[in-house]
């Protein structure tokens, strides 16, 4: 159950990363910059390892809030791989990350 919430959190972060940068956002406890830090780690094709700033941001994310975006149809259109997104908390070593 923890992995589902974590996956949803990542999905929401990715969606927020794609929002126009001229609009400052704070989504589920994460800023636009924090969301952008995680994007390369969940991008289809050639993902990178998550950065320390990404992992730090995940530690204070509101997973319950992020879970509200779990079934968004937008992920694929933004190049986000849901499996990579769901594994990000584990990649960051976040113990017992809540799930949706």
N, C-alpha and C. Protein backbone atom coordinates (compact mmCIF):
# COMPACT_ATOMS: atom_id res chain seq x y z
N UNK A 1 0.83 -1.19 0.00
CA UNK A 1 0.00 0.00 0.00
C UNK A 1 0.87 1.25 0.00
N UNK A 2 2.03 1.19 0.63
CA UNK A 2 2.93 2.34 0.67
C UNK A 2 3.44 2.68 -0.71
N UNK A 3 3.69 1.70 -1.52
CA UNK A 3 4.23 1.96 -2.85
C UNK A 3 3.21 2.64 -3.75
N UNK A 4 1.93 2.40 -3.54
CA UNK A 4 0.91 3.03 -4.36
C UNK A 4 0.85 4.53 -4.11
N UNK A 5 0.90 4.94 -2.85
CA UNK A 5 0.89 6.37 -2.53
C UNK A 5 2.14 7.04 -3.06
N UNK A 6 3.25 6.37 -2.92
CA UNK A 6 4.50 6.93 -3.41
C UNK A 6 4.44 7.09 -4.91
N UNK A 7 3.90 6.12 -5.59
CA UNK A 7 3.78 6.19 -7.04
C UNK A 7 2.89 7.35 -7.45
N UNK A 8 1.81 7.51 -6.75
CA UNK A 8 0.90 8.61 -7.06
C UNK A 8 1.57 9.95 -6.81
N UNK A 9 2.33 10.02 -5.76
CA UNK A 9 3.03 11.26 -5.45
C UNK A 9 3.96 11.64 -6.59
N UNK A 10 4.66 10.69 -7.09
CA UNK A 10 5.58 10.95 -8.19
C UNK A 10 4.82 11.38 -9.43
N UNK A 11 3.72 10.76 -9.68
CA UNK A 11 2.92 11.09 -10.84
C UNK A 11 2.45 12.54 -10.77
N UNK A 12 1.97 12.94 -9.63
CA UNK A 12 1.52 14.32 -9.46
C UNK A 12 2.67 15.29 -9.63
N UNK A 13 3.81 14.93 -9.09
CA UNK A 13 4.99 15.81 -9.22
C UNK A 13 5.34 16.00 -10.68
N UNK A 14 5.29 14.94 -11.43
CA UNK A 14 5.63 15.03 -12.83
C UNK A 14 4.66 15.93 -13.56
N UNK A 15 3.40 15.78 -13.27
CA UNK A 15 2.40 16.63 -13.92
C UNK A 15 2.66 18.09 -13.60
N UNK A 16 2.99 18.37 -12.38
CA UNK A 16 3.25 19.75 -11.97
C UNK A 16 4.50 20.29 -12.64
N UNK A 17 5.45 19.43 -12.91
CA UNK A 17 6.68 19.87 -13.56
C UNK A 17 6.42 20.42 -14.95
N UNK A 18 5.37 19.93 -15.54
CA UNK A 18 5.08 20.31 -16.91
C UNK A 18 4.26 21.57 -17.02
N UNK A 19 3.82 22.10 -15.91
CA UNK A 19 3.06 23.34 -15.90
C UNK A 19 3.98 24.49 -16.26
N UNK A 20 3.43 25.49 -16.89
CA UNK A 20 4.20 26.67 -17.30
C UNK A 20 5.02 27.19 -16.13
N UNK A 21 6.31 27.35 -16.33
CA UNK A 21 7.20 27.79 -15.25
C UNK A 21 6.95 29.22 -14.81
N UNK A 22 6.20 29.99 -15.58
CA UNK A 22 5.94 31.36 -15.18
C UNK A 22 4.92 31.41 -14.04
N UNK A 23 4.27 30.31 -13.77
CA UNK A 23 3.30 30.22 -12.70
C UNK A 23 3.92 29.44 -11.54
N UNK A 24 4.12 30.11 -10.44
CA UNK A 24 4.70 29.43 -9.27
C UNK A 24 3.65 28.52 -8.66
N UNK A 25 4.05 27.28 -8.42
CA UNK A 25 3.09 26.36 -7.82
C UNK A 25 3.70 25.72 -6.59
N UNK A 26 2.84 25.28 -5.75
CA UNK A 26 3.18 24.48 -4.58
C UNK A 26 2.15 23.37 -4.58
N UNK A 27 2.57 22.19 -4.99
CA UNK A 27 1.65 21.08 -5.14
C UNK A 27 1.95 20.01 -4.11
N UNK A 28 1.02 19.76 -3.27
CA UNK A 28 1.13 18.68 -2.29
C UNK A 28 2.42 18.78 -1.47
N UNK A 29 2.76 19.99 -1.10
CA UNK A 29 3.92 20.21 -0.26
C UNK A 29 5.24 20.30 -1.01
N UNK A 30 5.19 20.34 -2.33
CA UNK A 30 6.43 20.43 -3.12
C UNK A 30 6.35 21.63 -4.05
N UNK A 31 7.46 22.33 -4.18
CA UNK A 31 7.52 23.49 -5.07
C UNK A 31 7.77 23.04 -6.50
N UNK A 32 7.60 23.94 -7.42
CA UNK A 32 7.87 23.66 -8.83
C UNK A 32 9.31 23.19 -9.01
N UNK A 33 10.25 23.83 -8.37
CA UNK A 33 11.65 23.43 -8.49
C UNK A 33 11.88 22.02 -7.97
N UNK A 34 11.22 21.67 -6.88
CA UNK A 34 11.37 20.32 -6.33
C UNK A 34 10.78 19.28 -7.28
N UNK A 35 9.64 19.61 -7.87
CA UNK A 35 9.04 18.70 -8.83
C UNK A 35 9.95 18.51 -10.04
N UNK A 36 10.54 19.59 -10.49
CA UNK A 36 11.44 19.52 -11.65
C UNK A 36 12.68 18.68 -11.35
N UNK A 37 13.12 18.66 -10.12
CA UNK A 37 14.27 17.85 -9.73
C UNK A 37 14.02 16.37 -9.96
N UNK A 38 12.78 15.95 -9.81
CA UNK A 38 12.45 14.53 -9.93
C UNK A 38 12.12 14.09 -11.35
N UNK A 39 11.82 15.01 -12.22
CA UNK A 39 11.38 14.66 -13.56
C UNK A 39 12.34 13.74 -14.32
N UNK A 40 13.64 14.00 -14.35
CA UNK A 40 14.53 13.12 -15.12
C UNK A 40 14.53 11.67 -14.64
N UNK A 41 14.21 11.45 -13.40
CA UNK A 41 14.22 10.10 -12.84
C UNK A 41 12.98 9.28 -13.20
N UNK A 42 11.96 9.92 -13.73
CA UNK A 42 10.73 9.21 -14.08
C UNK A 42 10.35 9.38 -15.54
N UNK A 43 11.28 9.87 -16.33
CA UNK A 43 11.03 10.10 -17.74
C UNK A 43 11.28 8.84 -18.55
N UNK A 44 10.36 8.52 -19.43
CA UNK A 44 10.48 7.34 -20.28
C UNK A 44 11.72 7.44 -21.16
N UNK A 45 12.26 6.30 -21.49
CA UNK A 45 13.36 6.24 -22.44
C UNK A 45 14.73 6.22 -21.82
N UNK A 46 15.10 7.28 -21.15
CA UNK A 46 16.45 7.38 -20.60
C UNK A 46 16.42 8.03 -19.22
N UNK A 47 15.79 7.35 -18.24
CA UNK A 47 15.72 7.94 -16.90
C UNK A 47 17.09 7.98 -16.23
N UNK A 48 17.24 8.94 -15.34
CA UNK A 48 18.46 9.07 -14.55
C UNK A 48 18.18 8.62 -13.12
N UNK A 49 19.20 8.52 -12.33
CA UNK A 49 19.01 8.26 -10.91
C UNK A 49 18.44 9.53 -10.28
N UNK A 50 17.60 9.39 -9.25
CA UNK A 50 17.06 10.59 -8.61
C UNK A 50 18.18 11.37 -7.92
N UNK A 51 18.07 12.67 -7.98
CA UNK A 51 19.05 13.54 -7.34
C UNK A 51 18.75 13.65 -5.85
N UNK A 52 19.72 14.10 -5.10
CA UNK A 52 19.50 14.30 -3.67
C UNK A 52 18.40 15.33 -3.42
N UNK A 53 18.36 16.45 -4.17
CA UNK A 53 17.25 17.40 -3.96
C UNK A 53 15.88 16.77 -4.23
N UNK A 54 15.79 15.89 -5.20
CA UNK A 54 14.53 15.18 -5.48
C UNK A 54 14.15 14.33 -4.27
N UNK A 55 15.08 13.55 -3.79
CA UNK A 55 14.80 12.67 -2.65
C UNK A 55 14.46 13.45 -1.40
N UNK A 56 15.12 14.56 -1.20
CA UNK A 56 14.81 15.41 -0.05
C UNK A 56 13.39 15.95 -0.15
N UNK A 57 13.00 16.37 -1.36
CA UNK A 57 11.65 16.89 -1.57
C UNK A 57 10.61 15.81 -1.31
N UNK A 58 10.88 14.59 -1.73
CA UNK A 58 9.93 13.50 -1.51
C UNK A 58 9.71 13.24 -0.02
N UNK A 59 10.71 13.49 0.78
CA UNK A 59 10.60 13.23 2.21
C UNK A 59 9.54 14.10 2.89
N UNK A 60 9.28 15.27 2.33
CA UNK A 60 8.29 16.15 2.95
C UNK A 60 7.04 16.31 2.09
N UNK A 61 6.90 15.49 1.05
CA UNK A 61 5.72 15.57 0.20
C UNK A 61 4.48 15.04 0.94
N UNK A 62 3.35 15.58 0.59
CA UNK A 62 2.07 15.13 1.15
C UNK A 62 1.55 14.00 0.25
N UNK A 63 1.85 12.76 0.62
CA UNK A 63 1.50 11.62 -0.21
C UNK A 63 -0.02 11.46 -0.34
N UNK A 64 -0.77 11.79 0.70
CA UNK A 64 -2.23 11.69 0.62
C UNK A 64 -2.76 12.62 -0.47
N UNK A 65 -2.20 13.80 -0.53
CA UNK A 65 -2.58 14.77 -1.56
C UNK A 65 -2.19 14.25 -2.94
N UNK A 66 -0.97 13.76 -3.06
CA UNK A 66 -0.48 13.27 -4.34
C UNK A 66 -1.29 12.08 -4.85
N UNK A 67 -1.80 11.29 -3.94
CA UNK A 67 -2.60 10.12 -4.33
C UNK A 67 -3.86 10.53 -5.08
N UNK A 68 -4.32 11.73 -4.87
CA UNK A 68 -5.50 12.22 -5.58
C UNK A 68 -5.30 12.29 -7.08
N UNK A 69 -4.06 12.23 -7.53
CA UNK A 69 -3.75 12.32 -8.95
C UNK A 69 -3.36 10.97 -9.55
N UNK A 70 -3.54 9.92 -8.81
CA UNK A 70 -3.07 8.59 -9.18
C UNK A 70 -3.51 8.12 -10.57
N UNK A 71 -4.73 8.32 -10.93
CA UNK A 71 -5.25 7.79 -12.18
C UNK A 71 -5.28 8.81 -13.31
N UNK A 72 -4.43 9.79 -13.25
CA UNK A 72 -4.42 10.82 -14.28
C UNK A 72 -4.03 10.23 -15.64
N UNK A 73 -4.76 10.57 -16.67
CA UNK A 73 -4.43 10.10 -18.01
C UNK A 73 -3.28 10.88 -18.66
N UNK A 74 -2.77 11.87 -17.98
CA UNK A 74 -1.75 12.75 -18.56
C UNK A 74 -0.33 12.20 -18.51
N UNK A 75 -0.06 11.27 -17.67
CA UNK A 75 1.32 10.81 -17.47
C UNK A 75 2.01 10.41 -18.76
N UNK A 76 1.39 9.54 -19.52
CA UNK A 76 2.01 9.08 -20.76
C UNK A 76 2.27 10.20 -21.73
N UNK A 77 1.38 11.16 -21.82
CA UNK A 77 1.56 12.27 -22.75
C UNK A 77 2.71 13.17 -22.34
N UNK A 78 3.11 13.12 -21.08
CA UNK A 78 4.23 13.92 -20.60
C UNK A 78 5.53 13.13 -20.54
N UNK A 79 5.50 11.89 -21.02
CA UNK A 79 6.70 11.07 -21.05
C UNK A 79 7.03 10.43 -19.72
N UNK A 80 6.09 10.42 -18.81
CA UNK A 80 6.32 9.85 -17.48
C UNK A 80 6.03 8.35 -17.51
N UNK A 81 6.95 7.58 -16.98
CA UNK A 81 6.77 6.15 -16.86
C UNK A 81 6.22 5.86 -15.47
N UNK A 82 4.97 5.41 -15.37
CA UNK A 82 4.36 5.17 -14.05
C UNK A 82 5.15 4.19 -13.19
N UNK A 83 5.79 3.21 -13.79
CA UNK A 83 6.56 2.25 -13.00
C UNK A 83 7.79 2.92 -12.40
N UNK A 84 8.43 3.79 -13.17
CA UNK A 84 9.58 4.53 -12.62
C UNK A 84 9.10 5.44 -11.49
N UNK A 85 7.95 6.07 -11.71
CA UNK A 85 7.41 6.97 -10.70
C UNK A 85 7.10 6.22 -9.41
N UNK A 86 6.52 5.05 -9.54
CA UNK A 86 6.16 4.30 -8.34
C UNK A 86 7.38 3.79 -7.58
N UNK A 87 8.48 3.63 -8.28
CA UNK A 87 9.69 3.15 -7.63
C UNK A 87 10.59 4.23 -7.06
N UNK A 88 10.26 5.49 -7.32
CA UNK A 88 11.12 6.59 -6.89
C UNK A 88 11.33 6.66 -5.38
N UNK A 89 10.30 6.52 -4.56
CA UNK A 89 10.55 6.55 -3.11
C UNK A 89 11.54 5.48 -2.67
N UNK A 90 11.44 4.31 -3.24
CA UNK A 90 12.38 3.24 -2.89
C UNK A 90 13.79 3.62 -3.35
N UNK A 91 13.90 4.18 -4.56
CA UNK A 91 15.19 4.61 -5.08
C UNK A 91 15.82 5.67 -4.16
N UNK A 92 14.98 6.45 -3.53
CA UNK A 92 15.45 7.50 -2.63
C UNK A 92 15.66 6.99 -1.20
N UNK A 93 15.31 5.75 -0.96
CA UNK A 93 15.50 5.20 0.37
C UNK A 93 14.51 5.72 1.39
N UNK A 94 13.32 6.09 0.94
CA UNK A 94 12.31 6.58 1.87
C UNK A 94 11.61 5.36 2.48
N UNK A 95 11.85 5.13 3.77
CA UNK A 95 11.27 3.95 4.41
C UNK A 95 9.76 4.10 4.63
N UNK A 96 9.06 3.03 4.40
CA UNK A 96 7.63 2.97 4.68
C UNK A 96 6.83 4.12 4.05
N UNK A 97 7.18 4.47 2.82
CA UNK A 97 6.43 5.52 2.14
C UNK A 97 4.98 5.10 2.04
N UNK A 98 4.07 5.99 2.36
CA UNK A 98 2.65 5.63 2.30
C UNK A 98 2.22 5.32 0.87
N UNK A 99 1.15 4.55 0.74
CA UNK A 99 0.65 4.20 -0.58
C UNK A 99 -0.80 4.63 -0.73
N UNK A 100 -1.23 4.66 -1.96
CA UNK A 100 -2.62 5.03 -2.25
C UNK A 100 -3.52 3.80 -2.22
